[in-house]
Amino acid sequence: MRFGVVVFPGSNCEQDVVHAAHHLGFEADYIWHGDTDLSGFDAIVLPGGFSYGDYIRCGAVARFSPVMGEVVRYAERGGPVIGICNGFQILTEAHLLPGALLRNSGLKFVCREVPLRAEESVCQWLDVAPGTVLRIPVNHNEGNFVCDEKTLERIREGGQVVLRYCEPDGSRDEGGSAPNGALDDIAGICNERGNVFGLMPHPERVVDPATGGTDGTVFFTSIVSYAAEVAG
């Protein structure tokens, strides 16, 4: 399994993703934002950071990088693509995922570990029992997921809500459990096919017990298992 990690000007989590993949025994290499060749990669990662300085809107400029045209085509062919934090923002700007990410409610940067509840979904990137609570760190200023009511109904019915912010026991507070004000406590969604996944938390930071836990491991191993099944 070979992960391709796209590097935009302003990315700052690409090394974390490569380290996580290597730590788990997989191959991973960087893809420069000006490249247009994704051949040889089994999955593409858009990492966190501040691509192009978050000018205009988070992900708005990165969406027009030369590499993104090929990322869109790769995803449309069914290739696995994951966007983490800024990568999630880029995926919404590229219309590979619905909705948008706005400033956190309270207008404050959020940086801490949070509990997340895995939902029953079509996502190929995460294979854990619905209701499983994972503890993953968040580190963002624009993680407030929003969409219109029709879109929210569609992604709920289609099994596209992958992760929700929750309380430590897996329940959700009546006033909302999202640290950023996200609609319906949504922390991560996927497309209808389940091959494109965007989430605000950083699973690449929790794959090693020495650095805070291993709850992020499944975000990498699940897609590897899925790819192996598809390949036969």
Protein backbone atom coordinates (compact mmCIF):
# COMPACT_ATOMS: atom_id res chain seq x y z
CA MET A 1 0.00 0.00 0.00
CA ARG A 2 1.45 3.34 -1.05
CA PHE A 3 -0.04 6.60 0.21
CA GLY A 4 0.52 9.81 -1.72
CA VAL A 5 0.56 12.90 0.52
CA VAL A 6 -0.05 16.18 -1.30
CA VAL A 7 2.06 19.14 -0.18
CA PHE A 8 0.70 22.64 -0.76
CA PRO A 9 2.50 25.87 0.15
CA GLY A 10 1.50 26.23 3.80
CA SER A 11 0.87 22.55 4.53
CA ASN A 12 2.33 21.62 7.91
CA CYS A 13 1.03 18.15 8.71
CA GLU A 14 2.35 16.24 5.71
CA GLN A 15 5.31 14.85 7.67
CA ASP A 16 2.96 13.61 10.40
CA VAL A 17 0.97 11.64 7.82
CA VAL A 18 4.06 10.13 6.20
CA HIS A 19 5.46 9.20 9.61
CA ALA A 20 2.15 7.58 10.59
CA ALA A 21 2.05 5.51 7.40
CA HIS A 22 5.67 4.40 7.81
CA HIS A 23 5.10 3.60 11.49
CA LEU A 24 2.23 1.31 10.50
CA GLY A 25 4.37 -0.44 7.89
CA PHE A 26 3.05 1.22 4.72
CA GLU A 27 4.78 3.20 1.99
CA ALA A 28 4.17 6.94 1.70
CA ASP A 29 5.64 9.65 -0.50
CA TYR A 30 5.08 13.35 -1.00
CA ILE A 31 3.25 14.79 -4.02
CA TRP A 32 4.06 18.42 -4.85
CA HIS A 33 1.02 20.63 -5.52
CA GLY A 34 2.29 21.35 -9.03
CA ASP A 35 2.45 17.69 -10.02
CA THR A 36 -0.25 16.03 -12.08
CA ASP A 37 0.83 12.40 -12.03
CA LEU A 38 -0.77 10.23 -9.34
CA SER A 39 0.14 6.91 -10.91
CA GLY A 40 1.61 4.39 -8.50
CA PHE A 41 -0.38 5.60 -5.49
CA ASP A 42 -3.07 3.47 -3.86
CA ALA A 43 -4.58 6.29 -1.79
CA ILE A 44 -4.26 10.07 -1.71
CA VAL A 45 -4.04 12.21 1.44
CA LEU A 46 -4.66 15.96 1.62
CA PRO A 47 -3.03 16.89 4.94
CA GLY A 48 -3.68 19.65 7.44
CA GLY A 49 -2.11 23.07 7.53
CA PHE A 50 -2.77 26.47 6.04
CA SER A 51 -2.56 25.95 2.28
CA TYR A 52 -1.71 29.21 0.52
CA GLY A 53 -2.02 30.99 3.86
CA ASP A 54 -5.79 30.38 3.94
CA TYR A 55 -6.19 33.41 1.68
CA ILE A 56 -9.77 34.14 0.57
CA ARG A 57 -11.10 31.05 2.40
CA CYS A 58 -9.49 27.92 3.77
CA GLY A 59 -8.80 25.64 0.81
CA ALA A 60 -10.15 28.08 -1.77
CA VAL A 61 -6.81 28.66 -3.51
CA ALA A 62 -5.49 25.11 -3.08
CA ARG A 63 -8.55 23.85 -4.90
CA PHE A 64 -7.06 25.34 -8.11
CA SER A 65 -3.60 23.78 -7.73
CA PRO A 66 -2.57 21.68 -10.75
CA VAL A 67 -2.60 18.51 -8.65
CA MET A 68 -6.25 18.96 -7.68
CA GLY A 69 -7.50 18.42 -11.21
CA GLU A 70 -5.97 14.97 -11.11
CA VAL A 71 -7.16 14.36 -7.53
CA VAL A 72 -10.73 15.02 -8.72
CA ARG A 73 -10.31 12.58 -11.61
CA TYR A 74 -8.69 10.03 -9.31
CA ALA A 75 -11.65 10.28 -6.91
CA GLU A 76 -14.19 10.08 -9.72
CA ARG A 77 -12.56 6.81 -10.83
CA GLY A 78 -13.14 5.46 -7.32
CA GLY A 79 -9.65 6.05 -5.91
CA PRO A 80 -9.47 6.50 -2.12
CA VAL A 81 -8.96 10.13 -1.05
CA ILE A 82 -8.87 11.49 2.50
CA GLY A 83 -8.70 15.14 3.53
CA ILE A 84 -7.64 15.90 7.09
CA CYS A 85 -8.44 19.33 8.59
CA ASN A 86 -7.30 21.75 5.86
CA GLY A 87 -7.59 18.79 3.49
CA PHE A 88 -11.29 18.49 4.41
CA GLN A 89 -11.71 22.18 3.63
CA ILE A 90 -10.05 21.67 0.24
CA LEU A 91 -12.35 18.75 -0.57
CA THR A 92 -15.44 20.87 0.05
CA GLU A 93 -14.02 23.71 -2.05
CA ALA A 94 -13.35 21.20 -4.86
CA HIS A 95 -16.95 19.93 -4.55
CA LEU A 96 -15.77 16.41 -3.85
CA LEU A 97 -17.69 16.67 -0.57
CA PRO A 98 -20.81 18.69 0.27
CA GLY A 99 -21.06 21.54 2.75
CA ALA A 100 -18.48 24.05 3.94
CA LEU A 101 -16.25 24.73 6.94
CA LEU A 102 -16.68 28.10 8.66
CA ARG A 103 -15.01 29.85 11.60
CA ASN A 104 -15.44 28.06 14.90
CA SER A 105 -18.29 29.27 17.04
CA GLY A 106 -16.78 31.58 19.63
CA LEU A 107 -14.16 32.57 17.04
CA LYS A 108 -11.37 30.78 18.90
CA PHE A 109 -8.77 28.29 17.71
CA VAL A 110 -9.46 24.82 19.13
CA CYS A 111 -6.55 22.50 19.94
CA ARG A 112 -7.28 19.50 22.15
CA GLU A 113 -8.19 15.85 22.16
CA VAL A 114 -11.90 15.20 21.67
CA PRO A 115 -14.16 12.13 21.76
CA LEU A 116 -15.68 11.11 18.43
CA ARG A 117 -18.46 8.64 17.79
CA ALA A 118 -18.25 6.45 14.71
CA GLU A 119 -21.55 6.33 12.84
CA GLU A 120 -22.91 3.67 10.52
CA SER A 121 -21.71 4.86 7.12
CA VAL A 122 -20.62 3.84 3.63
CA CYS A 123 -17.12 5.18 4.25
CA GLN A 124 -14.31 2.91 3.03
CA TRP A 125 -11.73 4.64 5.22
CA LEU A 126 -13.16 3.61 8.59
CA ASP A 127 -14.29 0.14 9.61
CA VAL A 128 -15.31 0.13 13.26
CA ALA A 129 -18.59 -0.74 14.94
CA PRO A 130 -21.12 2.12 14.94
CA GLY A 131 -21.12 3.74 18.36
CA THR A 132 -17.40 3.20 18.91
CA VAL A 133 -15.87 6.20 20.68
CA LEU A 134 -12.44 7.29 19.47
CA ARG A 135 -10.25 9.96 21.04
CA ILE A 136 -8.55 12.05 18.36
CA PRO A 137 -7.00 15.55 18.61
CA VAL A 138 -8.39 18.56 16.76
CA ASN A 139 -6.35 21.60 15.79
CA HIS A 140 -8.30 24.15 13.76
CA ASN A 141 -9.87 27.58 13.51
CA GLU A 142 -12.41 26.80 10.77
CA GLY A 143 -14.01 23.47 11.62
CA ASN A 144 -17.63 24.56 11.88
CA PHE A 145 -19.33 22.28 9.33
CA VAL A 146 -22.44 23.73 7.70
CA CYS A 147 -24.80 22.79 4.89
CA ASP A 148 -28.42 23.44 3.97
CA GLU A 149 -31.26 21.31 5.34
CA LYS A 150 -31.75 19.38 2.10
CA THR A 151 -28.06 18.43 1.98
CA LEU A 152 -28.06 17.44 5.65
CA GLU A 153 -31.05 15.16 5.09
CA ARG A 154 -29.37 13.62 2.04
CA ILE A 155 -26.05 12.85 3.74
CA ARG A 156 -27.84 11.41 6.77
CA GLU A 157 -30.01 9.12 4.66
CA GLY A 158 -27.08 8.14 2.46
CA GLY A 159 -24.85 7.05 5.33
CA GLN A 160 -22.37 9.80 4.59
CA VAL A 161 -21.96 11.07 8.15
CA VAL A 162 -18.91 9.14 9.35
CA LEU A 163 -17.98 10.81 12.64
CA ARG A 164 -19.76 13.00 15.17
CA TYR A 165 -18.35 14.89 18.11
CA CYS A 166 -19.74 13.41 21.30
CA GLU A 167 -19.39 13.21 25.06
CA PRO A 168 -16.87 10.73 26.54
CA ASP A 169 -19.58 8.08 26.94
CA GLY A 170 -20.70 8.42 23.32
CA SER A 171 -23.81 10.45 24.02
CA ARG A 172 -24.41 13.88 22.52
CA ASP A 173 -25.18 16.97 24.57
CA GLU A 174 -28.55 18.56 23.82
CA GLY A 175 -26.79 21.85 23.24
CA GLY A 176 -24.24 20.24 20.93
CA SER A 177 -20.99 18.40 21.62
CA ALA A 178 -18.95 19.92 18.80
CA PRO A 179 -16.12 22.15 20.08
CA ASN A 180 -16.50 24.30 16.96
CA GLY A 181 -20.29 24.57 16.64
CA ALA A 182 -20.50 22.11 13.73
CA LEU A 183 -24.00 21.36 12.46
CA ASP A 184 -25.38 18.09 13.87
CA ASP A 185 -22.04 17.61 15.68
CA ILE A 186 -20.52 16.47 12.37
CA ALA A 187 -16.77 15.86 12.49
CA GLY A 188 -16.35 13.89 9.27
CA ILE A 189 -18.31 12.98 6.15
CA CYS A 190 -17.78 10.98 2.97
CA ASN A 191 -19.14 11.07 -0.55
CA GLU A 192 -21.93 8.78 -1.77
CA ARG A 193 -19.48 6.10 -2.93
CA GLY A 194 -17.55 6.19 0.33
CA ASN A 195 -14.12 6.59 -1.28
CA VAL A 196 -13.68 10.31 -0.49
CA PHE A 197 -13.53 11.12 3.23
CA GLY A 198 -13.03 14.44 4.98
CA LEU A 199 -12.60 15.00 8.70
CA MET A 200 -11.41 17.81 10.93
CA PRO A 201 -9.64 15.68 13.62
CA HIS A 202 -6.06 14.45 13.08
CA PRO A 203 -5.85 10.63 13.25
CA GLU A 204 -2.22 10.69 12.05
CA ARG A 205 -1.23 12.07 15.46
CA VAL A 206 -2.46 9.05 17.41
CA VAL A 207 -1.01 5.93 15.83
CA ASP A 208 1.82 5.39 18.31
CA PRO A 209 1.36 4.78 22.07
CA ALA A 210 4.50 6.84 22.67
CA THR A 211 2.81 9.94 21.26
CA GLY A 212 -0.63 9.77 22.81
CA GLY A 213 -2.48 6.63 21.77
CA THR A 214 -3.46 4.46 18.83
CA ASP A 215 -7.07 5.42 18.08
CA GLY A 216 -5.98 6.90 14.75
CA THR A 217 -4.55 3.62 13.47
CA VAL A 218 -7.85 2.34 12.08
CA PHE A 219 -8.12 5.31 9.71
CA PHE A 220 -5.14 3.92 7.81
CA THR A 221 -5.53 0.15 8.25
CA SER A 222 -9.18 0.06 7.18
CA ILE A 223 -8.49 1.52 3.74
CA VAL A 224 -5.53 -0.83 3.29
CA SER A 225 -7.77 -3.82 4.03
CA TYR A 226 -10.46 -2.49 1.70
CA ALA A 227 -7.96 -1.96 -1.12
CA ALA A 228 -6.65 -5.50 -0.67
CA GLU A 229 -10.17 -6.89 -0.90
CA VAL A 230 -10.89 -4.94 -4.07
CA ALA A 231 -7.62 -6.14 -5.61
CA GLY A 232 -8.59 -9.71 -4.79
